[in-house]
């Protein structure tokens, strides 16, 4: 068993990315030597498919990992039925509403302890 104490020299990035961008984010990170775990996930509002990435990163490489994720995570406009947004079926309401989807949501946390078996 290998046990390493990180002493805050390591961060964990949790990145939630739209499935349309997941392949490019994964390829970008792994091509620069980042070790990535990808989990399929679903967003709560539109129930869109997402991928959640877990990336253990040395403090000095956090900026580069964030740059890669940002470069490959595109925002898009999606037109959805207005009743899905407002919860109404009012006949005078517009048929569709445009909403912004995509991009990435990142959580960056200190790692207290790291274990690899």
N, C-alpha and C. Protein backbone atom coordinates (compact mmCIF):
# COMPACT_ATOMS: atom_id res chain seq x y z
N UNK A 1 0.84 -1.17 0.00
CA UNK A 1 0.00 0.00 0.00
C UNK A 1 0.88 1.24 0.00
N UNK A 2 0.54 2.16 -0.86
CA UNK A 2 1.26 3.42 -0.93
C UNK A 2 0.40 4.51 -0.31
N UNK A 3 0.94 5.22 0.66
CA UNK A 3 0.19 6.29 1.32
C UNK A 3 1.03 7.55 1.26
N UNK A 4 0.48 8.57 0.66
CA UNK A 4 1.21 9.84 0.56
C UNK A 4 0.39 10.92 1.25
N UNK A 5 1.02 11.70 2.07
CA UNK A 5 0.35 12.82 2.73
C UNK A 5 0.56 14.05 1.85
N UNK A 6 -0.54 14.65 1.40
CA UNK A 6 -0.45 15.72 0.41
C UNK A 6 -0.01 17.04 1.02
N UNK A 7 -0.35 17.33 2.27
CA UNK A 7 0.02 18.58 2.93
C UNK A 7 -0.33 19.79 2.08
N UNK A 8 -1.44 19.74 1.38
CA UNK A 8 -1.96 20.82 0.55
C UNK A 8 -1.06 21.17 -0.63
N UNK A 9 -0.28 20.21 -1.08
CA UNK A 9 0.47 20.39 -2.31
C UNK A 9 -0.33 19.85 -3.49
N UNK A 10 -1.53 19.37 -3.20
CA UNK A 10 -2.34 18.76 -4.23
C UNK A 10 -3.77 19.29 -4.13
N UNK A 11 -4.42 19.40 -5.27
CA UNK A 11 -5.82 19.83 -5.34
C UNK A 11 -6.62 18.75 -6.05
N UNK A 12 -7.91 18.73 -5.77
CA UNK A 12 -8.85 17.91 -6.51
C UNK A 12 -9.75 18.84 -7.28
N UNK A 13 -9.77 18.69 -8.60
CA UNK A 13 -10.68 19.45 -9.44
C UNK A 13 -11.84 18.53 -9.79
N UNK A 14 -13.04 18.99 -9.48
CA UNK A 14 -14.26 18.32 -9.94
C UNK A 14 -14.85 19.24 -10.99
N UNK A 15 -14.93 18.75 -12.22
CA UNK A 15 -15.41 19.56 -13.34
C UNK A 15 -16.64 18.90 -13.95
N UNK A 16 -17.74 19.64 -13.98
CA UNK A 16 -18.97 19.15 -14.60
C UNK A 16 -19.07 19.80 -15.98
N UNK A 17 -19.09 18.95 -17.01
CA UNK A 17 -18.97 19.40 -18.39
C UNK A 17 -20.10 18.78 -19.21
N UNK A 18 -20.63 19.53 -20.17
CA UNK A 18 -21.65 19.01 -21.08
C UNK A 18 -21.08 17.83 -21.86
N UNK A 19 -21.90 16.81 -22.09
CA UNK A 19 -21.45 15.62 -22.81
C UNK A 19 -20.89 15.95 -24.20
N UNK A 20 -21.41 17.01 -24.83
CA UNK A 20 -20.92 17.37 -26.16
C UNK A 20 -19.44 17.76 -26.13
N UNK A 21 -18.95 18.19 -24.98
CA UNK A 21 -17.56 18.63 -24.85
C UNK A 21 -16.67 17.63 -24.12
N UNK A 22 -17.25 16.60 -23.53
CA UNK A 22 -16.52 15.70 -22.64
C UNK A 22 -15.33 15.03 -23.32
N UNK A 23 -15.50 14.58 -24.54
CA UNK A 23 -14.40 13.91 -25.25
C UNK A 23 -13.21 14.85 -25.41
N UNK A 24 -13.48 16.11 -25.77
CA UNK A 24 -12.40 17.07 -26.01
C UNK A 24 -11.70 17.46 -24.70
N UNK A 25 -12.47 17.59 -23.63
CA UNK A 25 -11.88 17.88 -22.32
C UNK A 25 -11.00 16.71 -21.89
N UNK A 26 -11.52 15.50 -22.01
CA UNK A 26 -10.78 14.30 -21.63
C UNK A 26 -9.48 14.18 -22.43
N UNK A 27 -9.57 14.34 -23.73
CA UNK A 27 -8.39 14.24 -24.59
C UNK A 27 -7.37 15.34 -24.27
N UNK A 28 -7.86 16.56 -24.05
CA UNK A 28 -6.96 17.66 -23.72
C UNK A 28 -6.21 17.43 -22.43
N UNK A 29 -6.91 16.96 -21.42
CA UNK A 29 -6.27 16.72 -20.12
C UNK A 29 -5.29 15.55 -20.18
N UNK A 30 -5.70 14.44 -20.75
CA UNK A 30 -4.83 13.26 -20.77
C UNK A 30 -3.62 13.47 -21.67
N UNK A 31 -3.76 14.26 -22.73
CA UNK A 31 -2.62 14.49 -23.62
C UNK A 31 -1.51 15.29 -22.94
N UNK A 32 -1.86 16.00 -21.86
CA UNK A 32 -0.85 16.74 -21.10
C UNK A 32 -0.47 16.04 -19.79
N UNK A 33 -0.84 14.76 -19.70
CA UNK A 33 -0.38 13.95 -18.57
C UNK A 33 -1.24 13.99 -17.32
N UNK A 34 -2.40 14.63 -17.38
CA UNK A 34 -3.29 14.62 -16.22
C UNK A 34 -4.01 13.28 -16.17
N UNK A 35 -4.13 12.73 -14.96
CA UNK A 35 -4.88 11.50 -14.78
C UNK A 35 -6.31 11.88 -14.43
N UNK A 36 -7.25 11.33 -15.18
CA UNK A 36 -8.64 11.76 -15.14
C UNK A 36 -9.55 10.57 -14.88
N UNK A 37 -10.54 10.77 -14.03
CA UNK A 37 -11.64 9.82 -13.88
C UNK A 37 -12.90 10.54 -14.34
N UNK A 38 -13.64 9.91 -15.26
CA UNK A 38 -14.86 10.51 -15.82
C UNK A 38 -16.06 9.68 -15.41
N UNK A 39 -17.10 10.37 -14.92
CA UNK A 39 -18.33 9.71 -14.50
C UNK A 39 -19.50 10.37 -15.23
N UNK A 40 -20.41 9.58 -15.75
CA UNK A 40 -21.60 10.14 -16.38
C UNK A 40 -22.51 10.71 -15.32
N UNK A 41 -23.11 11.87 -15.60
CA UNK A 41 -24.01 12.51 -14.64
C UNK A 41 -25.11 13.22 -15.41
N UNK A 42 -26.12 13.67 -14.69
CA UNK A 42 -27.26 14.34 -15.30
C UNK A 42 -27.54 15.64 -14.57
N UNK A 43 -27.76 16.71 -15.35
CA UNK A 43 -28.09 18.01 -14.75
C UNK A 43 -29.50 18.02 -14.22
N UNK A 44 -29.75 18.81 -13.19
CA UNK A 44 -31.05 18.83 -12.55
C UNK A 44 -32.12 19.62 -13.28
N UNK A 45 -31.76 20.71 -13.95
CA UNK A 45 -32.77 21.59 -14.54
C UNK A 45 -33.36 21.01 -15.82
N UNK A 46 -32.52 20.71 -16.79
CA UNK A 46 -33.01 20.19 -18.08
C UNK A 46 -32.78 18.69 -18.24
N UNK A 47 -32.22 18.07 -17.22
CA UNK A 47 -31.89 16.65 -17.25
C UNK A 47 -30.98 16.31 -18.42
N UNK A 48 -30.10 17.26 -18.76
CA UNK A 48 -29.12 17.04 -19.84
C UNK A 48 -28.01 16.13 -19.36
N UNK A 49 -27.44 15.39 -20.29
CA UNK A 49 -26.31 14.54 -19.97
C UNK A 49 -25.05 15.36 -19.77
N UNK A 50 -24.35 15.05 -18.72
CA UNK A 50 -23.08 15.69 -18.41
C UNK A 50 -22.05 14.61 -18.13
N UNK A 51 -20.81 15.05 -18.06
CA UNK A 51 -19.73 14.20 -17.58
C UNK A 51 -19.08 14.94 -16.43
N UNK A 52 -18.83 14.23 -15.35
CA UNK A 52 -18.14 14.82 -14.21
C UNK A 52 -16.74 14.23 -14.16
N UNK A 53 -15.75 15.12 -14.20
CA UNK A 53 -14.35 14.72 -14.19
C UNK A 53 -13.77 14.94 -12.80
N UNK A 54 -13.00 13.98 -12.33
CA UNK A 54 -12.24 14.10 -11.09
C UNK A 54 -10.77 14.08 -11.49
N UNK A 55 -10.06 15.15 -11.16
CA UNK A 55 -8.67 15.28 -11.57
C UNK A 55 -7.83 15.66 -10.36
N UNK A 56 -6.92 14.80 -9.95
CA UNK A 56 -5.96 15.12 -8.90
C UNK A 56 -4.80 15.86 -9.53
N UNK A 57 -4.50 17.06 -9.00
CA UNK A 57 -3.54 17.95 -9.66
C UNK A 57 -2.58 18.53 -8.63
N UNK A 58 -1.28 18.55 -8.96
CA UNK A 58 -0.31 19.28 -8.14
C UNK A 58 -0.67 20.76 -8.17
N UNK A 59 -0.45 21.45 -7.07
CA UNK A 59 -0.78 22.88 -6.98
C UNK A 59 -0.28 23.68 -8.17
N UNK A 60 0.93 23.41 -8.60
CA UNK A 60 1.53 24.21 -9.66
C UNK A 60 0.96 23.93 -11.05
N UNK A 61 0.07 22.93 -11.18
CA UNK A 61 -0.53 22.60 -12.49
C UNK A 61 -2.03 22.88 -12.54
N UNK A 62 -2.59 23.41 -11.46
CA UNK A 62 -4.03 23.69 -11.42
C UNK A 62 -4.43 24.66 -12.53
N UNK A 63 -3.66 25.73 -12.70
CA UNK A 63 -3.97 26.73 -13.72
C UNK A 63 -4.04 26.13 -15.11
N UNK A 64 -3.10 25.25 -15.43
CA UNK A 64 -3.10 24.63 -16.76
C UNK A 64 -4.30 23.72 -16.95
N UNK A 65 -4.66 22.95 -15.94
CA UNK A 65 -5.83 22.08 -16.04
C UNK A 65 -7.10 22.91 -16.27
N UNK A 66 -7.22 24.01 -15.55
CA UNK A 66 -8.39 24.90 -15.71
C UNK A 66 -8.42 25.48 -17.12
N UNK A 67 -7.27 25.89 -17.64
CA UNK A 67 -7.20 26.42 -19.01
C UNK A 67 -7.70 25.41 -20.03
N UNK A 68 -7.28 24.16 -19.87
CA UNK A 68 -7.68 23.10 -20.81
C UNK A 68 -9.19 22.89 -20.74
N UNK A 69 -9.73 22.79 -19.53
CA UNK A 69 -11.17 22.57 -19.38
C UNK A 69 -11.94 23.74 -19.98
N UNK A 70 -11.50 24.95 -19.69
CA UNK A 70 -12.18 26.15 -20.22
C UNK A 70 -12.12 26.19 -21.75
N UNK A 71 -10.99 25.86 -22.33
CA UNK A 71 -10.83 25.91 -23.78
C UNK A 71 -11.74 24.94 -24.51
N UNK A 72 -12.10 23.85 -23.86
CA UNK A 72 -12.89 22.81 -24.53
C UNK A 72 -14.35 22.75 -24.06
N UNK A 73 -14.77 23.67 -23.21
CA UNK A 73 -16.15 23.68 -22.68
C UNK A 73 -16.89 24.88 -23.25
N UNK A 74 -17.71 24.63 -24.25
CA UNK A 74 -18.39 25.71 -24.96
C UNK A 74 -19.81 25.93 -24.43
N UNK A 75 -20.19 27.20 -24.32
CA UNK A 75 -21.57 27.53 -23.98
C UNK A 75 -22.39 27.55 -25.27
N UNK A 76 -23.65 27.14 -25.16
CA UNK A 76 -24.56 27.10 -26.30
C UNK A 76 -25.91 27.65 -25.90
N UNK A 77 -26.69 28.06 -26.88
CA UNK A 77 -28.06 28.48 -26.62
C UNK A 77 -28.98 27.37 -27.12
N UNK A 78 -29.90 26.97 -26.26
CA UNK A 78 -30.85 25.92 -26.61
C UNK A 78 -32.26 26.48 -26.48
N UNK A 79 -33.09 26.18 -27.45
CA UNK A 79 -34.48 26.62 -27.43
C UNK A 79 -35.33 25.48 -26.85
N UNK A 80 -36.05 25.77 -25.76
CA UNK A 80 -36.88 24.75 -25.12
C UNK A 80 -38.30 25.28 -24.99
N UNK A 81 -39.30 24.40 -24.88
CA UNK A 81 -40.68 24.86 -24.69
C UNK A 81 -40.79 25.74 -23.45
N UNK A 82 -41.47 26.86 -23.60
CA UNK A 82 -41.56 27.83 -22.51
C UNK A 82 -42.18 27.23 -21.26
N UNK A 83 -43.12 26.32 -21.41
CA UNK A 83 -43.77 25.71 -20.24
C UNK A 83 -42.77 24.94 -19.39
N UNK A 84 -41.68 24.46 -19.99
CA UNK A 84 -40.64 23.76 -19.22
C UNK A 84 -39.91 24.71 -18.28
N UNK A 85 -39.81 25.98 -18.68
CA UNK A 85 -39.10 26.98 -17.89
C UNK A 85 -40.01 27.59 -16.84
N UNK A 86 -41.24 27.95 -17.25
CA UNK A 86 -42.12 28.71 -16.36
C UNK A 86 -43.08 27.85 -15.57
N UNK A 87 -43.33 26.63 -16.03
CA UNK A 87 -44.30 25.77 -15.36
C UNK A 87 -45.73 26.13 -15.72
N UNK A 88 -45.90 26.96 -16.72
CA UNK A 88 -47.24 27.39 -17.12
C UNK A 88 -47.62 26.82 -18.47
N UNK A 89 -48.89 26.76 -18.73
CA UNK A 89 -49.38 26.33 -20.04
C UNK A 89 -50.21 27.45 -20.64
N UNK A 90 -49.94 28.69 -20.24
CA UNK A 90 -50.66 29.87 -20.71
C UNK A 90 -50.57 29.96 -22.23
N UNK A 91 -51.71 30.10 -22.90
CA UNK A 91 -51.75 30.11 -24.35
C UNK A 91 -51.08 31.34 -24.95
N UNK A 92 -50.97 32.44 -24.20
CA UNK A 92 -50.35 33.65 -24.75
C UNK A 92 -48.84 33.67 -24.56
N UNK A 93 -48.29 32.69 -23.86
CA UNK A 93 -46.85 32.62 -23.64
C UNK A 93 -46.15 32.23 -24.94
N UNK A 94 -44.93 32.73 -25.16
CA UNK A 94 -44.20 32.31 -26.36
C UNK A 94 -44.00 30.80 -26.38
N UNK A 95 -43.85 30.22 -27.55
CA UNK A 95 -43.73 28.78 -27.70
C UNK A 95 -42.42 28.25 -27.14
N UNK A 96 -41.34 29.03 -27.26
CA UNK A 96 -40.02 28.56 -26.83
C UNK A 96 -39.29 29.66 -26.06
N UNK A 97 -38.36 29.22 -25.23
CA UNK A 97 -37.47 30.14 -24.53
C UNK A 97 -36.04 29.70 -24.81
N UNK A 98 -35.17 30.67 -25.05
CA UNK A 98 -33.76 30.37 -25.28
C UNK A 98 -33.02 30.43 -23.95
N UNK A 99 -32.27 29.37 -23.66
CA UNK A 99 -31.47 29.34 -22.44
C UNK A 99 -30.04 28.98 -22.79
N UNK A 100 -29.11 29.38 -21.95
CA UNK A 100 -27.70 29.09 -22.14
C UNK A 100 -27.37 27.78 -21.43
N UNK A 101 -26.74 26.87 -22.17
CA UNK A 101 -26.30 25.60 -21.58
C UNK A 101 -24.82 25.40 -21.89
N UNK A 102 -24.23 24.42 -21.29
CA UNK A 102 -22.84 24.09 -21.57
C UNK A 102 -21.89 24.84 -20.66
N UNK A 103 -20.68 25.03 -21.14
CA UNK A 103 -19.64 25.59 -20.28
C UNK A 103 -19.20 24.51 -19.31
N UNK A 104 -18.64 24.93 -18.20
CA UNK A 104 -18.19 23.98 -17.19
C UNK A 104 -18.37 24.59 -15.82
N UNK A 105 -18.63 23.74 -14.85
CA UNK A 105 -18.67 24.14 -13.45
C UNK A 105 -17.54 23.40 -12.75
N UNK A 106 -16.66 24.16 -12.09
CA UNK A 106 -15.49 23.56 -11.44
C UNK A 106 -15.53 23.80 -9.94
N UNK A 107 -15.13 22.78 -9.21
CA UNK A 107 -14.89 22.86 -7.77
C UNK A 107 -13.43 22.47 -7.58
N UNK A 108 -12.67 23.30 -6.89
CA UNK A 108 -11.25 23.02 -6.67
C UNK A 108 -11.02 22.99 -5.17
N UNK A 109 -10.56 21.83 -4.69
CA UNK A 109 -10.43 21.61 -3.25
C UNK A 109 -9.04 21.14 -2.88
N UNK A 110 -8.62 21.48 -1.66
CA UNK A 110 -7.37 20.96 -1.12
C UNK A 110 -7.54 19.47 -0.84
N UNK A 111 -6.47 18.71 -1.07
CA UNK A 111 -6.47 17.28 -0.77
C UNK A 111 -5.65 17.09 0.51
N UNK A 112 -6.30 16.55 1.53
CA UNK A 112 -5.60 16.32 2.79
C UNK A 112 -4.75 15.07 2.74
N UNK A 113 -5.29 14.03 2.09
CA UNK A 113 -4.56 12.77 2.04
C UNK A 113 -4.85 12.10 0.71
N UNK A 114 -3.84 11.42 0.18
CA UNK A 114 -3.96 10.71 -1.08
C UNK A 114 -3.48 9.29 -0.88
N UNK A 115 -4.29 8.31 -1.30
CA UNK A 115 -3.92 6.91 -1.18
C UNK A 115 -4.09 6.23 -2.53
N UNK A 116 -3.11 5.40 -2.87
CA UNK A 116 -3.18 4.64 -4.10
C UNK A 116 -2.79 3.19 -3.79
N UNK A 117 -3.64 2.25 -4.13
CA UNK A 117 -3.38 0.83 -3.83
C UNK A 117 -2.92 0.10 -5.08
